[in-house]
Amino acid sequence: MSTPRPPVEHQLQSWTRFFGPIAAGDRVHELRRNDRDFRVGDIMCLLEWDPQLSEATGRQVSVEITSITSDDVPCAVSDVGLTPGFCILSVRLLPNR
């Protein structure tokens, strides 16, 4: 179990095809490399990235991490469902800040 710490804000790029549904409130999860010590309560500031143009679009949204599934904290269905080093972050869209 991880030690308590105050919530952290992570700034991350989000490809346009994933960013749009999150910004609309239709997508409530993110599959990410678990390289930032993500924790429930952390905020992710998602910066829209257009991979075809290789540039940021200027749009951004903030989401709160509400749940984490990883190889360390598996779901009830399978303890081998995720590649080590990756996690599924359940997120809640936050109002414009």
PDB file of N, CA and C in Angstrom:
ATOM      1  N   MET A   1       0.843  -1.183   0.000  1.00  0.00           N
ATOM      2  CA  MET A   1       0.000   0.000   0.000  1.00  0.00           C
ATOM      3  C   MET A   1       0.886   1.243   0.000  1.00  0.00           C
ATOM      4  N   SER A   2       0.508   2.252  -0.767  1.00  0.00           N
ATOM      5  CA  SER A   2       1.317   3.457  -0.871  1.00  0.00           C
ATOM      6  C   SER A   2       1.109   4.364   0.345  1.00  0.00           C
ATOM      7  N   THR A   3       2.122   5.166   0.616  1.00  0.00           N
ATOM      8  CA  THR A   3       2.048   6.076   1.751  1.00  0.00           C
ATOM      9  C   THR A   3       1.206   7.292   1.380  1.00  0.00           C
ATOM     10  N   PRO A   4       0.497   7.857   2.363  1.00  0.00           N
ATOM     11  CA  PRO A   4      -0.332   9.037   2.084  1.00  0.00           C
ATOM     12  C   PRO A   4       0.517  10.219   1.627  1.00  0.00           C
ATOM     13  N   ARG A   5      -0.056  11.016   0.780  1.00  0.00           N
ATOM     14  CA  ARG A   5       0.559  12.264   0.347  1.00  0.00           C
ATOM     15  C   ARG A   5      -0.558  13.160  -0.167  1.00  0.00           C
ATOM     16  N   PRO A   6      -0.333  14.456  -0.209  1.00  0.00           N
ATOM     17  CA  PRO A   6      -1.362  15.350  -0.759  1.00  0.00           C
ATOM     18  C   PRO A   6      -1.579  15.047  -2.242  1.00  0.00           C
ATOM     19  N   PRO A   7      -2.774  15.330  -2.767  1.00  0.00           N
ATOM     20  CA  PRO A   7      -3.011  15.124  -4.202  1.00  0.00           C
ATOM     21  C   PRO A   7      -2.021  15.924  -5.049  1.00  0.00           C
ATOM     22  N   VAL A   8      -1.663  15.350  -6.178  1.00  0.00           N
ATOM     23  CA  VAL A   8      -0.717  15.959  -7.117  1.00  0.00           C
ATOM     24  C   VAL A   8      -1.464  16.285  -8.408  1.00  0.00           C
ATOM     25  N   GLU A   9      -1.051  17.345  -9.080  1.00  0.00           N
ATOM     26  CA  GLU A   9      -1.603  17.650 -10.401  1.00  0.00           C
ATOM     27  C   GLU A   9      -0.581  17.235 -11.455  1.00  0.00           C
ATOM     28  N   HIS A  10      -1.025  16.375 -12.363  1.00  0.00           N
ATOM     29  CA  HIS A  10      -0.179  15.870 -13.445  1.00  0.00           C
ATOM     30  C   HIS A  10      -0.602  16.551 -14.743  1.00  0.00           C
ATOM     31  N   GLN A  11       0.349  17.065 -15.503  1.00  0.00           N
ATOM     32  CA  GLN A  11       0.043  17.607 -16.825  1.00  0.00           C
ATOM     33  C   GLN A  11       0.458  16.565 -17.848  1.00  0.00           C
ATOM     34  N   LEU A  12      -0.511  16.167 -18.678  1.00  0.00           N
ATOM     35  CA  LEU A  12      -0.298  15.086 -19.634  1.00  0.00           C
ATOM     36  C   LEU A  12      -0.886  15.435 -20.984  1.00  0.00           C
ATOM     37  N   GLN A  13      -0.237  14.977 -22.030  1.00  0.00           N
ATOM     38  CA  GLN A  13      -0.816  15.107 -23.358  1.00  0.00           C
ATOM     39  C   GLN A  13      -1.888  14.049 -23.537  1.00  0.00           C
ATOM     40  N   SER A  14      -2.913  14.393 -24.304  1.00  0.00           N
ATOM     41  CA  SER A  14      -3.995  13.465 -24.605  1.00  0.00           C
ATOM     42  C   SER A  14      -4.326  13.590 -26.083  1.00  0.00           C
ATOM     43  N   TRP A  15      -4.169  12.498 -26.801  1.00  0.00           N
ATOM     44  CA  TRP A  15      -4.451  12.520 -28.235  1.00  0.00           C
ATOM     45  C   TRP A  15      -5.890  12.946 -28.484  1.00  0.00           C
ATOM     46  N   THR A  16      -6.102  13.648 -29.577  1.00  0.00           N
ATOM     47  CA  THR A  16      -7.401  14.203 -29.931  1.00  0.00           C
ATOM     48  C   THR A  16      -8.519  13.169 -29.855  1.00  0.00           C
ATOM     49  N   ARG A  17      -8.306  11.959 -30.333  1.00  0.00           N
ATOM     50  CA  ARG A  17      -9.379  10.963 -30.355  1.00  0.00           C
ATOM     51  C   ARG A  17      -9.788  10.500 -28.963  1.00  0.00           C
ATOM     52  N   PHE A  18      -8.923  10.677 -27.972  1.00  0.00           N
ATOM     53  CA  PHE A  18      -9.271  10.361 -26.585  1.00  0.00           C
ATOM     54  C   PHE A  18      -9.723  11.604 -25.834  1.00  0.00           C
ATOM     55  N   PHE A  19      -9.109  12.733 -26.140  1.00  0.00           N
ATOM     56  CA  PHE A  19      -9.398  13.984 -25.453  1.00  0.00           C
ATOM     57  C   PHE A  19     -10.852  14.408 -25.661  1.00  0.00           C
ATOM     58  N   GLY A  20     -11.340  14.371 -26.902  1.00  0.00           N
ATOM     59  CA  GLY A  20     -12.701  14.833 -27.209  1.00  0.00           C
ATOM     60  C   GLY A  20     -13.762  14.162 -26.351  1.00  0.00           C
ATOM     61  N   PRO A  21     -13.789  12.818 -26.291  1.00  0.00           N
ATOM     62  CA  PRO A  21     -14.791  12.149 -25.456  1.00  0.00           C
ATOM     63  C   PRO A  21     -14.628  12.436 -23.960  1.00  0.00           C
ATOM     64  N   ILE A  22     -13.408  12.635 -23.496  1.00  0.00           N
ATOM     65  CA  ILE A  22     -13.226  12.978 -22.083  1.00  0.00           C
ATOM     66  C   ILE A  22     -13.773  14.381 -21.833  1.00  0.00           C
ATOM     67  N   ALA A  23     -13.432  15.325 -22.706  1.00  0.00           N
ATOM     68  CA  ALA A  23     -13.908  16.703 -22.552  1.00  0.00           C
ATOM     69  C   ALA A  23     -15.433  16.781 -22.608  1.00  0.00           C
ATOM     70  N   ALA A  24     -16.059  15.886 -23.372  1.00  0.00           N
ATOM     71  CA  ALA A  24     -17.525  15.854 -23.490  1.00  0.00           C
ATOM     72  C   ALA A  24     -18.176  15.120 -22.315  1.00  0.00           C
ATOM     73  N   GLY A  25     -17.365  14.450 -21.498  1.00  0.00           N
ATOM     74  CA  GLY A  25     -17.895  13.696 -20.372  1.00  0.00           C
ATOM     75  C   GLY A  25     -18.353  12.300 -20.741  1.00  0.00           C
ATOM     76  N   ASP A  26     -18.057  11.855 -21.969  1.00  0.00           N
ATOM     77  CA  ASP A  26     -18.489  10.540 -22.439  1.00  0.00           C
ATOM     78  C   ASP A  26     -17.482   9.432 -22.135  1.00  0.00           C
ATOM     79  N   ARG A  27     -16.249   9.776 -21.951  1.00  0.00           N
ATOM     80  CA  ARG A  27     -15.194   8.787 -21.641  1.00  0.00           C
ATOM     81  C   ARG A  27     -14.760   9.018 -20.199  1.00  0.00           C
ATOM     82  N   VAL A  28     -14.737   7.970 -19.410  1.00  0.00           N
ATOM     83  CA  VAL A  28     -14.455   8.125 -17.978  1.00  0.00           C
ATOM     84  C   VAL A  28     -13.264   7.282 -17.532  1.00  0.00           C
ATOM     85  N   HIS A  29     -12.366   7.003 -18.460  1.00  0.00           N
ATOM     86  CA  HIS A  29     -11.167   6.250 -18.093  1.00  0.00           C
ATOM     87  C   HIS A  29     -10.009   6.636 -18.997  1.00  0.00           C
ATOM     88  N   GLU A  30      -8.834   6.351 -18.513  1.00  0.00           N
ATOM     89  CA  GLU A  30      -7.601   6.566 -19.265  1.00  0.00           C
ATOM     90  C   GLU A  30      -6.696   5.372 -19.031  1.00  0.00           C
ATOM     91  N   LEU A  31      -6.148   4.822 -20.082  1.00  0.00           N
ATOM     92  CA  LEU A  31      -5.109   3.794 -19.978  1.00  0.00           C
ATOM     93  C   LEU A  31      -3.783   4.530 -20.096  1.00  0.00           C
ATOM     94  N   ARG A  32      -2.956   4.387 -19.086  1.00  0.00           N
ATOM     95  CA  ARG A  32      -1.691   5.127 -19.048  1.00  0.00           C
ATOM     96  C   ARG A  32      -0.563   4.248 -18.562  1.00  0.00           C
ATOM     97  N   ARG A  33       0.646   4.608 -18.967  1.00  0.00           N
ATOM     98  CA  ARG A  33       1.839   4.017 -18.362  1.00  0.00           C
ATOM     99  C   ARG A  33       1.848   4.514 -16.919  1.00  0.00           C
ATOM    100  N   ASN A  34       2.074   3.619 -15.992  1.00  0.00           N
ATOM    101  CA  ASN A  34       2.038   3.987 -14.574  1.00  0.00           C
ATOM    102  C   ASN A  34       3.421   4.452 -14.133  1.00  0.00           C
ATOM    103  N   ASP A  35       3.822   5.623 -14.640  1.00  0.00           N
ATOM    104  CA  ASP A  35       5.173   6.130 -14.392  1.00  0.00           C
ATOM    105  C   ASP A  35       5.189   7.425 -13.578  1.00  0.00           C
ATOM    106  N   ARG A  36       4.042   7.777 -12.977  1.00  0.00           N
ATOM    107  CA  ARG A  36       3.948   9.050 -12.260  1.00  0.00           C
ATOM    108  C   ARG A  36       3.417   8.909 -10.844  1.00  0.00           C
ATOM    109  N   ASP A  37       3.367   7.694 -10.326  1.00  0.00           N
ATOM    110  CA  ASP A  37       2.843   7.478  -8.979  1.00  0.00           C
ATOM    111  C   ASP A  37       1.420   8.022  -8.854  1.00  0.00           C
ATOM    112  N   PHE A  38       0.581   7.715  -9.854  1.00  0.00           N
ATOM    113  CA  PHE A  38      -0.808   8.146  -9.824  1.00  0.00           C
ATOM    114  C   PHE A  38      -1.486   7.624  -8.568  1.00  0.00           C
ATOM    115  N   ARG A  39      -2.344   8.447  -7.986  1.00  0.00           N
ATOM    116  CA  ARG A  39      -3.110   8.046  -6.806  1.00  0.00           C
ATOM    117  C   ARG A  39      -4.526   8.596  -6.913  1.00  0.00           C
ATOM    118  N   VAL A  40      -5.461   7.894  -6.275  1.00  0.00           N
ATOM    119  CA  VAL A  40      -6.836   8.382  -6.212  1.00  0.00           C
ATOM    120  C   VAL A  40      -6.813   9.767  -5.570  1.00  0.00           C
ATOM    121  N   GLY A  41      -7.543  10.700  -6.170  1.00  0.00           N
ATOM    122  CA  GLY A  41      -7.577  12.088  -5.699  1.00  0.00           C
ATOM    123  C   GLY A  41      -6.673  13.009  -6.468  1.00  0.00           C
ATOM    124  N   ASP A  42      -5.677  12.456  -7.198  1.00  0.00           N
ATOM    125  CA  ASP A  42      -4.819  13.290  -8.034  1.00  0.00           C
ATOM    126  C   ASP A  42      -5.639  13.907  -9.157  1.00  0.00           C
ATOM    127  N   ILE A  43      -5.157  15.026  -9.654  1.00  0.00           N
ATOM    128  CA  ILE A  43      -5.780  15.724 -10.774  1.00  0.00           C
ATOM    129  C   ILE A  43      -4.887  15.543 -11.998  1.00  0.00           C
ATOM    130  N   MET A  44      -5.517  15.276 -13.128  1.00  0.00           N
ATOM    131  CA  MET A  44      -4.778  15.246 -14.396  1.00  0.00           C
ATOM    132  C   MET A  44      -5.271  16.403 -15.247  1.00  0.00           C
ATOM    133  N   CYS A  45      -4.359  17.287 -15.612  1.00  0.00           N
ATOM    134  CA  CYS A  45      -4.658  18.348 -16.564  1.00  0.00           C
ATOM    135  C   CYS A  45      -4.271  17.780 -17.925  1.00  0.00           C
ATOM    136  N   LEU A  46      -5.292  17.474 -18.728  1.00  0.00           N
ATOM    137  CA  LEU A  46      -5.063  16.857 -20.033  1.00  0.00           C
ATOM    138  C   LEU A  46      -4.967  17.935 -21.102  1.00  0.00           C
ATOM    139  N   LEU A  47      -3.865  17.950 -21.820  1.00  0.00           N
ATOM    140  CA  LEU A  47      -3.604  18.910 -22.887  1.00  0.00           C
ATOM    141  C   LEU A  47      -3.805  18.189 -24.214  1.00  0.00           C
ATOM    142  N   GLU A  48      -4.751  18.649 -25.002  1.00  0.00           N
ATOM    143  CA  GLU A  48      -5.042  17.962 -26.261  1.00  0.00           C
ATOM    144  C   GLU A  48      -3.845  18.042 -27.200  1.00  0.00           C
ATOM    145  N   TRP A  49      -3.487  16.882 -27.757  1.00  0.00           N
ATOM    146  CA  TRP A  49      -2.348  16.756 -28.666  1.00  0.00           C
ATOM    147  C   TRP A  49      -2.836  16.131 -29.963  1.00  0.00           C
ATOM    148  N   ASP A  50      -2.553  16.791 -31.077  1.00  0.00           N
ATOM    149  CA  ASP A  50      -2.919  16.266 -32.388  1.00  0.00           C
ATOM    150  C   ASP A  50      -1.716  15.504 -32.941  1.00  0.00           C
ATOM    151  N   PRO A  51      -1.781  14.156 -32.947  1.00  0.00           N
ATOM    152  CA  PRO A  51      -0.615  13.385 -33.389  1.00  0.00           C
ATOM    153  C   PRO A  51      -0.327  13.532 -34.877  1.00  0.00           C
ATOM    154  N   GLN A  52      -1.333  13.873 -35.669  1.00  0.00           N
ATOM    155  CA  GLN A  52      -1.087  14.051 -37.111  1.00  0.00           C
ATOM    156  C   GLN A  52      -0.279  15.314 -37.389  1.00  0.00           C
ATOM    157  N   LEU A  53      -0.524  16.355 -36.597  1.00  0.00           N
ATOM    158  CA  LEU A  53       0.213  17.610 -36.764  1.00  0.00           C
ATOM    159  C   LEU A  53       1.427  17.693 -35.845  1.00  0.00           C
ATOM    160  N   SER A  54       1.521  16.757 -34.894  1.00  0.00           N
ATOM    161  CA  SER A  54       2.587  16.761 -33.881  1.00  0.00           C
ATOM    162  C   SER A  54       2.640  18.086 -33.126  1.00  0.00           C
ATOM    163  N   GLU A  55       1.442  18.528 -32.692  1.00  0.00           N
ATOM    164  CA  GLU A  55       1.396  19.773 -31.927  1.00  0.00           C
ATOM    165  C   GLU A  55       0.173  19.810 -31.023  1.00  0.00           C
ATOM    166  N   ALA A  56       0.279  20.638 -29.997  1.00  0.00           N
ATOM    167  CA  ALA A  56      -0.838  20.849 -29.085  1.00  0.00           C
ATOM    168  C   ALA A  56      -1.892  21.713 -29.765  1.00  0.00           C
ATOM    169  N   THR A  57      -3.157  21.460 -29.415  1.00  0.00           N
ATOM    170  CA  THR A  57      -4.252  22.243 -30.006  1.00  0.00           C
ATOM    171  C   THR A  57      -4.584  23.466 -29.178  1.00  0.00           C
ATOM    172  N   GLY A  58      -4.144  23.496 -27.922  1.00  0.00           N
ATOM    173  CA  GLY A  58      -4.468  24.600 -27.029  1.00  0.00           C
ATOM    174  C   GLY A  58      -5.641  24.302 -26.103  1.00  0.00           C
ATOM    175  N   ARG A  59      -6.373  23.219 -26.380  1.00  0.00           N
ATOM    176  CA  ARG A  59      -7.493  22.858 -25.506  1.00  0.00           C
ATOM    177  C   ARG A  59      -6.983  22.029 -24.336  1.00  0.00           C
ATOM    178  N   GLN A  60      -7.634  22.194 -23.181  1.00  0.00           N
ATOM    179  CA  GLN A  60      -7.279  21.393 -22.024  1.00  0.00           C
ATOM    180  C   GLN A  60      -8.489  21.216 -21.123  1.00  0.00           C
ATOM    181  N   VAL A  61      -8.479  20.114 -20.376  1.00  0.00           N
ATOM    182  CA  VAL A  61      -9.496  19.835 -19.363  1.00  0.00           C
ATOM    183  C   VAL A  61      -8.801  19.229 -18.160  1.00  0.00           C
ATOM    184  N   SER A  62      -9.476  19.302 -17.021  1.00  0.00           N
ATOM    185  CA  SER A  62      -8.963  18.676 -15.808  1.00  0.00           C
ATOM    186  C   SER A  62      -9.913  17.579 -15.369  1.00  0.00           C
ATOM    187  N   VAL A  63      -9.334  16.470 -14.934  1.00  0.00           N
ATOM    188  CA  VAL A  63     -10.103  15.342 -14.413  1.00  0.00           C
ATOM    189  C   VAL A  63      -9.481  14.907 -13.093  1.00  0.00           C
ATOM    190  N   GLU A  64     -10.323  14.339 -12.232  1.00  0.00           N
ATOM    191  CA  GLU A  64      -9.847  13.786 -10.972  1.00  0.00           C
ATOM    192  C   GLU A  64      -9.801  12.273 -11.088  1.00  0.00           C
ATOM    193  N   ILE A  65      -8.745  11.656 -10.596  1.00  0.00           N
ATOM    194  CA  ILE A  65      -8.641  10.194 -10.585  1.00  0.00           C
ATOM    195  C   ILE A  65      -9.512   9.677  -9.446  1.00  0.00           C
ATOM    196  N   THR A  66     -10.474   8.809  -9.787  1.00  0.00           N
ATOM    197  CA  THR A  66     -11.402   8.288  -8.786  1.00  0.00           C
ATOM    198  C   THR A  66     -11.130   6.830  -8.440  1.00  0.00           C
ATOM    199  N   SER A  67     -10.415   6.116  -9.307  1.00  0.00           N
ATOM    200  CA  SER A  67     -10.105   4.706  -9.067  1.00  0.00           C
ATOM    201  C   SER A  67      -8.945   4.315  -9.963  1.00  0.00           C
ATOM    202  N   ILE A  68      -8.156   3.338  -9.514  1.00  0.00           N
ATOM    203  CA  ILE A  68      -7.006   2.873 -10.292  1.00  0.00           C
ATOM    204  C   ILE A  68      -7.013   1.354 -10.332  1.00  0.00           C
ATOM    205  N   THR A  69      -6.874   0.809 -11.533  1.00  0.00           N
ATOM    206  CA  THR A  69      -6.674  -0.623 -11.714  1.00  0.00           C
ATOM    207  C   THR A  69      -5.293  -0.800 -12.332  1.00  0.00           C
ATOM    208  N   SER A  70      -4.487  -1.690 -11.744  1.00  0.00           N
ATOM    209  CA  SER A  70      -3.134  -1.905 -12.249  1.00  0.00           C
ATOM    210  C   SER A  70      -2.721  -3.340 -11.963  1.00  0.00           C
ATOM    211  N   ASP A  71      -1.506  -3.692 -12.351  1.00  0.00           N
ATOM    212  CA  ASP A  71      -1.031  -5.030 -12.014  1.00  0.00           C
ATOM    213  C   ASP A  71      -0.809  -5.150 -10.510  1.00  0.00           C
ATOM    214  N   ASP A  72      -0.587  -4.025  -9.816  1.00  0.00           N
ATOM    215  CA  ASP A  72      -0.472  -4.026  -8.357  1.00  0.00           C
ATOM    216  C   ASP A  72      -1.828  -4.085  -7.664  1.00  0.00           C
ATOM    217  N   VAL A  73      -2.850  -3.469  -8.291  1.00  0.00           N
ATOM    218  CA  VAL A  73      -4.211  -3.417  -7.746  1.00  0.00           C
ATOM    219  C   VAL A  73      -5.153  -3.910  -8.842  1.00  0.00           C
ATOM    220  N   PRO A  74      -5.241  -5.235  -9.017  1.00  0.00           N
ATOM    221  CA  PRO A  74      -6.026  -5.781 -10.130  1.00  0.00           C
ATOM    222  C   PRO A  74      -7.525  -5.662  -9.893  1.00  0.00           C
ATOM    223  N   CYS A  75      -8.272  -5.822 -10.972  1.00  0.00           N
ATOM    224  CA  CYS A  75      -9.726  -5.855 -10.852  1.00  0.00           C
ATOM    225  C   CYS A  75     -10.154  -7.233 -10.362  1.00  0.00           C
ATOM    226  N   ALA A  76     -11.413  -7.379 -10.048  1.00  0.00           N
ATOM    227  CA  ALA A  76     -11.923  -8.641  -9.505  1.00  0.00           C
ATOM    228  C   ALA A  76     -11.921  -9.766 -10.543  1.00  0.00           C
ATOM    229  N   VAL A  77     -11.928  -9.408 -11.821  1.00  0.00           N
ATOM    230  CA  VAL A  77     -12.039 -10.406 -12.882  1.00  0.00           C
ATOM    231  C   VAL A  77     -10.727 -11.134 -13.143  1.00  0.00           C
ATOM    232  N   SER A  78      -9.626 -10.400 -13.115  1.00  0.00           N
ATOM    233  CA  SER A  78      -8.353 -11.017 -13.477  1.00  0.00           C
ATOM    234  C   SER A  78      -7.201 -10.297 -12.811  1.00  0.00           C
ATOM    235  N   ASP A  79      -6.254 -11.054 -12.307  1.00  0.00           N
ATOM    236  CA  ASP A  79      -5.060 -10.432 -11.747  1.00  0.00           C
ATOM    237  C   ASP A  79      -3.925 -10.374 -12.773  1.00  0.00           C
ATOM    238  N   VAL A  80      -4.208 -10.758 -14.013  1.00  0.00           N
ATOM    239  CA  VAL A  80      -3.192 -10.694 -15.064  1.00  0.00           C
ATOM    240  C   VAL A  80      -3.705  -9.935 -16.286  1.00  0.00           C
ATOM    241  N   GLY A  81      -4.718  -9.113 -16.098  1.00  0.00           N
ATOM    242  CA  GLY A  81      -5.354  -8.427 -17.217  1.00  0.00           C
ATOM    243  C   GLY A  81      -4.573  -7.266 -17.787  1.00  0.00           C
ATOM    244  N   LEU A  82      -3.653  -6.687 -17.019  1.00  0.00           N
ATOM    245  CA  LEU A  82      -2.910  -5.522 -17.489  1.00  0.00           C
ATOM    246  C   LEU A  82      -1.428  -5.839 -17.602  1.00  0.00           C
ATOM    247  N   THR A  83      -0.824  -5.281 -18.616  1.00  0.00           N
ATOM    248  CA  THR A  83       0.613  -5.381 -18.770  1.00  0.00           C
ATOM    249  C   THR A  83       1.283  -4.656 -17.606  1.00  0.00           C
ATOM    250  N   PRO A  84       2.265  -5.259 -16.973  1.00  0.00           N
ATOM    251  CA  PRO A  84       2.967  -4.567 -15.886  1.00  0.00           C
ATOM    252  C   PRO A  84       3.447  -3.194 -16.343  1.00  0.00           C
ATOM    253  N   GLY A  85       3.298  -2.218 -15.452  1.00  0.00           N
ATOM    254  CA  GLY A  85       3.728  -0.860 -15.765  1.00  0.00           C
ATOM    255  C   GLY A  85       2.634   0.013 -16.334  1.00  0.00           C
ATOM    256  N   PHE A  86       1.442  -0.543 -16.552  1.00  0.00           N
ATOM    257  CA  PHE A  86       0.317   0.226 -17.074  1.00  0.00           C
ATOM    258  C   PHE A  86      -0.813   0.224 -16.065  1.00  0.00           C
ATOM    259  N   CYS A  87      -1.709   1.216 -16.181  1.00  0.00           N
ATOM    260  CA  CYS A  87      -2.859   1.285 -15.290  1.00  0.00           C
ATOM    261  C   CYS A  87      -4.058   1.860 -16.035  1.00  0.00           C
ATOM    262  N   ILE A  88      -5.221   1.549 -15.527  1.00  0.00           N
ATOM    263  CA  ILE A  88      -6.461   2.154 -16.004  1.00  0.00           C
ATOM    264  C   ILE A  88      -6.911   3.102 -14.908  1.00  0.00           C
ATOM    265  N   LEU A  89      -7.051   4.365 -15.263  1.00  0.00           N
ATOM    266  CA  LEU A  89      -7.453   5.395 -14.319  1.00  0.00           C
ATOM    267  C   LEU A  89      -8.908   5.754 -14.597  1.00  0.00           C
ATOM    268  N   SER A  90      -9.789   5.522 -13.633  1.00  0.00           N
ATOM    269  CA  SER A  90     -11.157   6.016 -13.740  1.00  0.00           C
ATOM    270  C   SER A  90     -11.107   7.492 -13.377  1.00  0.00           C
ATOM    271  N   VAL A  91     -11.788   8.326 -14.172  1.00  0.00           N
ATOM    272  CA  VAL A  91     -11.684   9.772 -13.984  1.00  0.00           C
ATOM    273  C   VAL A  91     -13.063  10.429 -13.978  1.00  0.00           C
ATOM    274  N   ARG A  92     -13.110  11.581 -13.318  1.00  0.00           N
ATOM    275  CA  ARG A  92     -14.305  12.411 -13.260  1.00  0.00           C
ATOM    276  C   ARG A  92     -13.934  13.782 -13.785  1.00  0.00           C
ATOM    277  N   LEU A  93     -14.671  14.241 -14.791  1.00  0.00           N
ATOM    278  CA  LEU A  93     -14.431  15.549 -15.391  1.00  0.00           C
ATOM    279  C   LEU A  93     -14.703  16.634 -14.363  1.00  0.00           C
ATOM    280  N   LEU A  94     -13.775  17.565 -14.231  1.00  0.00           N
ATOM    281  CA  LEU A  94     -13.932  18.678 -13.297  1.00  0.00           C
ATOM    282  C   LEU A  94     -14.411  19.924 -14.036  1.00  0.00           C
ATOM    283  N   PRO A  95     -15.148  20.779 -13.349  1.00  0.00           N
ATOM    284  CA  PRO A  95     -15.557  22.028 -13.990  1.00  0.00           C
ATOM    285  C   PRO A  95     -14.325  22.836 -14.403  1.00  0.00           C
ATOM    286  N   ASN A  96     -14.504  23.711 -15.368  1.00  0.00           N
ATOM    287  CA  ASN A  96     -13.376  24.557 -15.786  1.00  0.00           C
ATOM    288  C   ASN A  96     -12.783  25.256 -14.579  1.00  0.00           C
ATOM    289  N   ARG A  97     -11.445  25.192 -14.490  1.00  0.00           N
ATOM    290  CA  ARG A  97     -10.771  25.797 -13.342  1.00  0.00           C
ATOM    291  C   ARG A  97      -9.997  27.008 -13.779  1.00  0.00           C
TER     292      ARG A  97
END
